Amino acid sequence: MIAKVPQFIEVEDKIFGPLTFKQFLYVAGGAAGCFLLWTLLPSLLAVIIILPVAGLSLALAFYKVNNRPFVAIMESFVRYHLGVKLYLWNKSSSKARAPGKEEVERGERLMAPKLSLSKLSELAWSLDVNENVKL
């Protein structure tokens, strides 16, 4: 039995002419908001506010960035700016201290233990032996 596999299932159905349901809601909501602003505000102030509202509603309905809808871009923008950020490369201002140890004064210097010549030659010989021995 041969069955037809549906294709283009990611494409939304066009319900209102050339518009999908989401696009229609964005355009209708923007138009309703612009109408309310025009009726409630003086004309010069209304025009100044209507232009960004209309632009945003049209961008939400039709504009895509890297084949992603503008709604997803706006959501990512808001989540990034309102979310908690972890900067791993920033140094913390407080230094970690071991409990119970006193802080070394700045004038004091910690010195490495001095090795005698015989101890140094013994270490060199043991390293050479361990390096040349094959297990």
C-alpha atoms as a PDB file:
ATOM      1  CA  MET A   1       0.000   0.000   0.000  1.00  0.00           C
ATOM      2  CA  ILE A   2       1.414   3.369  -0.994  1.00  0.00           C
ATOM      3  CA  ALA A   3       0.559   6.243   1.296  1.00  0.00           C
ATOM      4  CA  LYS A   4       0.959   9.909   0.525  1.00  0.00           C
ATOM      5  CA  VAL A   5       3.251  11.692   2.947  1.00  0.00           C
ATOM      6  CA  PRO A   6       2.134  15.234   3.722  1.00  0.00           C
ATOM      7  CA  GLN A   7       4.701  17.857   2.777  1.00  0.00           C
ATOM      8  CA  PHE A   8       5.192  21.446   3.845  1.00  0.00           C
ATOM      9  CA  ILE A   9       3.566  20.842   7.222  1.00  0.00           C
ATOM     10  CA  GLU A  10       5.592  23.748   8.676  1.00  0.00           C
ATOM     11  CA  VAL A  11       3.734  26.218   6.450  1.00  0.00           C
ATOM     12  CA  GLU A  12       0.750  27.786   8.198  1.00  0.00           C
ATOM     13  CA  ASP A  13      -2.607  27.840   6.441  1.00  0.00           C
ATOM     14  CA  LYS A  14      -3.746  31.073   4.813  1.00  0.00           C
ATOM     15  CA  ILE A  15      -7.111  31.803   6.394  1.00  0.00           C
ATOM     16  CA  PHE A  16      -7.848  35.471   5.699  1.00  0.00           C
ATOM     17  CA  GLY A  17      -6.875  35.954   2.064  1.00  0.00           C
ATOM     18  CA  PRO A  18      -3.059  35.976   1.844  1.00  0.00           C
ATOM     19  CA  LEU A  19      -2.711  36.216   5.645  1.00  0.00           C
ATOM     20  CA  THR A  20      -2.351  33.500   8.235  1.00  0.00           C
ATOM     21  CA  PHE A  21      -4.371  33.692  11.433  1.00  0.00           C
ATOM     22  CA  LYS A  22      -1.421  35.123  13.422  1.00  0.00           C
ATOM     23  CA  GLN A  23      -0.663  37.712  10.757  1.00  0.00           C
ATOM     24  CA  PHE A  24      -4.307  38.730  10.674  1.00  0.00           C
ATOM     25  CA  LEU A  25      -4.373  39.143  14.466  1.00  0.00           C
ATOM     26  CA  TYR A  26      -1.221  41.302  14.447  1.00  0.00           C
ATOM     27  CA  VAL A  27      -2.498  43.526  11.635  1.00  0.00           C
ATOM     28  CA  ALA A  28      -6.024  43.782  13.101  1.00  0.00           C
ATOM     29  CA  GLY A  29      -4.684  44.500  16.596  1.00  0.00           C
ATOM     30  CA  GLY A  30      -2.327  47.157  15.252  1.00  0.00           C
ATOM     31  CA  ALA A  31      -5.108  48.748  13.215  1.00  0.00           C
ATOM     32  CA  ALA A  32      -7.442  48.765  16.234  1.00  0.00           C
ATOM     33  CA  GLY A  33      -4.721  50.294  18.416  1.00  0.00           C
ATOM     34  CA  CYS A  34      -4.001  52.967  15.800  1.00  0.00           C
ATOM     35  CA  PHE A  35      -7.710  53.760  15.506  1.00  0.00           C
ATOM     36  CA  LEU A  36      -8.050  54.127  19.284  1.00  0.00           C
ATOM     37  CA  LEU A  37      -4.991  56.377  19.445  1.00  0.00           C
ATOM     38  CA  TRP A  38      -6.323  58.519  16.589  1.00  0.00           C
ATOM     39  CA  THR A  39      -9.715  58.982  18.257  1.00  0.00           C
ATOM     40  CA  LEU A  40      -8.444  59.577  21.811  1.00  0.00           C
ATOM     41  CA  LEU A  41      -5.387  61.802  21.239  1.00  0.00           C
ATOM     42  CA  PRO A  42      -4.874  65.109  19.437  1.00  0.00           C
ATOM     43  CA  SER A  43      -3.858  64.557  15.821  1.00  0.00           C
ATOM     44  CA  LEU A  44      -0.164  65.572  16.025  1.00  0.00           C
ATOM     45  CA  LEU A  45       0.480  63.474  19.130  1.00  0.00           C
ATOM     46  CA  ALA A  46      -1.560  60.612  17.661  1.00  0.00           C
ATOM     47  CA  VAL A  47       0.535  60.552  14.469  1.00  0.00           C
ATOM     48  CA  ILE A  48       3.751  60.489  16.493  1.00  0.00           C
ATOM     49  CA  ILE A  49       2.551  57.502  18.528  1.00  0.00           C
ATOM     50  CA  ILE A  50       0.726  55.720  15.680  1.00  0.00           C
ATOM     51  CA  LEU A  51       3.823  55.406  13.474  1.00  0.00           C
ATOM     52  CA  PRO A  52       5.775  53.141  15.865  1.00  0.00           C
ATOM     53  CA  VAL A  53       2.647  51.147  16.751  1.00  0.00           C
ATOM     54  CA  ALA A  54       1.851  50.533  13.084  1.00  0.00           C
ATOM     55  CA  GLY A  55       5.483  49.692  12.333  1.00  0.00           C
ATOM     56  CA  LEU A  56       5.623  47.203  15.193  1.00  0.00           C
ATOM     57  CA  SER A  57       2.372  45.508  14.189  1.00  0.00           C
ATOM     58  CA  LEU A  58       3.531  45.206  10.566  1.00  0.00           C
ATOM     59  CA  ALA A  59       6.928  43.888  11.673  1.00  0.00           C
ATOM     60  CA  LEU A  60       5.256  41.313  13.922  1.00  0.00           C
ATOM     61  CA  ALA A  61       3.066  40.193  11.042  1.00  0.00           C
ATOM     62  CA  PHE A  62       5.504  40.130   8.110  1.00  0.00           C
ATOM     63  CA  TYR A  63       9.177  40.751   8.997  1.00  0.00           C
ATOM     64  CA  LYS A  64      11.548  37.776   9.372  1.00  0.00           C
ATOM     65  CA  VAL A  65      15.160  37.816  10.572  1.00  0.00           C
ATOM     66  CA  ASN A  66      17.245  34.824   9.445  1.00  0.00           C
ATOM     67  CA  ASN A  67      14.019  33.037   8.512  1.00  0.00           C
ATOM     68  CA  ARG A  68      12.700  33.423  12.084  1.00  0.00           C
ATOM     69  CA  PRO A  69       9.554  35.451  12.826  1.00  0.00           C
ATOM     70  CA  PHE A  70       9.998  38.855  14.428  1.00  0.00           C
ATOM     71  CA  VAL A  71       8.002  37.650  17.443  1.00  0.00           C
ATOM     72  CA  ALA A  72      10.732  35.111  18.238  1.00  0.00           C
ATOM     73  CA  ILE A  73      13.401  37.814  17.891  1.00  0.00           C
ATOM     74  CA  MET A  74      11.507  40.119  20.268  1.00  0.00           C
ATOM     75  CA  GLU A  75      11.039  37.265  22.746  1.00  0.00           C
ATOM     76  CA  SER A  76      14.774  36.486  22.674  1.00  0.00           C
ATOM     77  CA  PHE A  77      15.567  40.193  23.129  1.00  0.00           C
ATOM     78  CA  VAL A  78      13.338  40.493  26.192  1.00  0.00           C
ATOM     79  CA  ARG A  79      14.577  37.239  27.745  1.00  0.00           C
ATOM     80  CA  TYR A  80      18.207  38.278  27.292  1.00  0.00           C
ATOM     81  CA  HIS A  81      17.791  41.734  28.781  1.00  0.00           C
ATOM     82  CA  LEU A  82      15.582  40.677  31.695  1.00  0.00           C
ATOM     83  CA  GLY A  83      17.276  37.358  32.435  1.00  0.00           C
ATOM     84  CA  VAL A  84      20.151  36.604  34.759  1.00  0.00           C
ATOM     85  CA  LYS A  85      23.564  36.797  33.131  1.00  0.00           C
ATOM     86  CA  LEU A  86      26.594  34.781  34.205  1.00  0.00           C
ATOM     87  CA  TYR A  87      29.911  36.335  33.244  1.00  0.00           C
ATOM     88  CA  LEU A  88      32.589  33.712  33.732  1.00  0.00           C
ATOM     89  CA  TRP A  89      35.435  35.965  32.659  1.00  0.00           C
ATOM     90  CA  ASN A  90      34.812  38.685  35.260  1.00  0.00           C
ATOM     91  CA  LYS A  91      36.948  38.441  38.362  1.00  0.00           C
ATOM     92  CA  SER A  92      35.129  38.528  41.655  1.00  0.00           C
ATOM     93  CA  SER A  93      36.121  41.301  44.025  1.00  0.00           C
ATOM     94  CA  SER A  94      36.356  39.038  47.068  1.00  0.00           C
ATOM     95  CA  LYS A  95      39.304  36.678  47.422  1.00  0.00           C
ATOM     96  CA  ALA A  96      38.848  33.169  48.732  1.00  0.00           C
ATOM     97  CA  ARG A  97      40.636  32.592  52.029  1.00  0.00           C
ATOM     98  CA  ALA A  98      41.424  29.388  53.819  1.00  0.00           C
ATOM     99  CA  PRO A  99      39.660  29.180  57.185  1.00  0.00           C
ATOM    100  CA  GLY A 100      41.930  29.387  60.229  1.00  0.00           C
ATOM    101  CA  LYS A 101      45.043  30.645  58.439  1.00  0.00           C
ATOM    102  CA  GLU A 102      46.377  34.076  59.102  1.00  0.00           C
ATOM    103  CA  GLU A 103      47.103  36.358  56.251  1.00  0.00           C
ATOM    104  CA  VAL A 104      50.760  36.650  55.294  1.00  0.00           C
ATOM    105  CA  GLU A 105      52.011  40.181  55.684  1.00  0.00           C
ATOM    106  CA  ARG A 106      53.058  41.988  52.539  1.00  0.00           C
ATOM    107  CA  GLY A 107      56.635  42.430  53.781  1.00  0.00           C
ATOM    108  CA  GLU A 108      57.153  38.696  54.253  1.00  0.00           C
ATOM    109  CA  ARG A 109      58.072  36.547  51.311  1.00  0.00           C
ATOM    110  CA  LEU A 110      57.578  32.855  51.102  1.00  0.00           C
ATOM    111  CA  MET A 111      60.798  31.106  50.142  1.00  0.00           C
ATOM    112  CA  ALA A 112      61.148  27.779  48.398  1.00  0.00           C
ATOM    113  CA  PRO A 113      63.114  25.186  50.383  1.00  0.00           C
ATOM    114  CA  LYS A 114      66.794  25.090  49.445  1.00  0.00           C
ATOM    115  CA  LEU A 115      68.111  21.822  48.112  1.00  0.00           C
ATOM    116  CA  SER A 116      71.648  20.667  48.642  1.00  0.00           C
ATOM    117  CA  LEU A 117      73.750  19.612  45.656  1.00  0.00           C
ATOM    118  CA  SER A 118      73.660  15.953  46.690  1.00  0.00           C
ATOM    119  CA  LYS A 119      69.863  15.978  47.041  1.00  0.00           C
ATOM    120  CA  LEU A 120      69.534  17.678  43.663  1.00  0.00           C
ATOM    121  CA  SER A 121      71.783  15.126  41.933  1.00  0.00           C
ATOM    122  CA  GLU A 122      69.854  12.302  43.607  1.00  0.00           C
ATOM    123  CA  LEU A 123      66.547  13.678  42.252  1.00  0.00           C
ATOM    124  CA  ALA A 124      68.040  14.066  38.760  1.00  0.00           C
ATOM    125  CA  TRP A 125      69.317  10.473  38.844  1.00  0.00           C
ATOM    126  CA  SER A 126      65.939   9.109  39.983  1.00  0.00           C
ATOM    127  CA  LEU A 127      64.137  11.029  37.244  1.00  0.00           C
ATOM    128  CA  ASP A 128      66.592   9.730  34.662  1.00  0.00           C
ATOM    129  CA  VAL A 129      66.138   6.142  35.871  1.00  0.00           C
ATOM    130  CA  ASN A 130      62.332   6.408  35.875  1.00  0.00           C
ATOM    131  CA  GLU A 131      62.396   7.897  32.389  1.00  0.00           C
ATOM    132  CA  ASN A 132      64.616   5.202  30.875  1.00  0.00           C
ATOM    133  CA  VAL A 133      62.961   2.197  32.529  1.00  0.00           C
ATOM    134  CA  LYS A 134      60.383   0.518  30.311  1.00  0.00           C
ATOM    135  CA  LEU A 135      57.648  -1.449  31.977  1.00  0.00           C
END
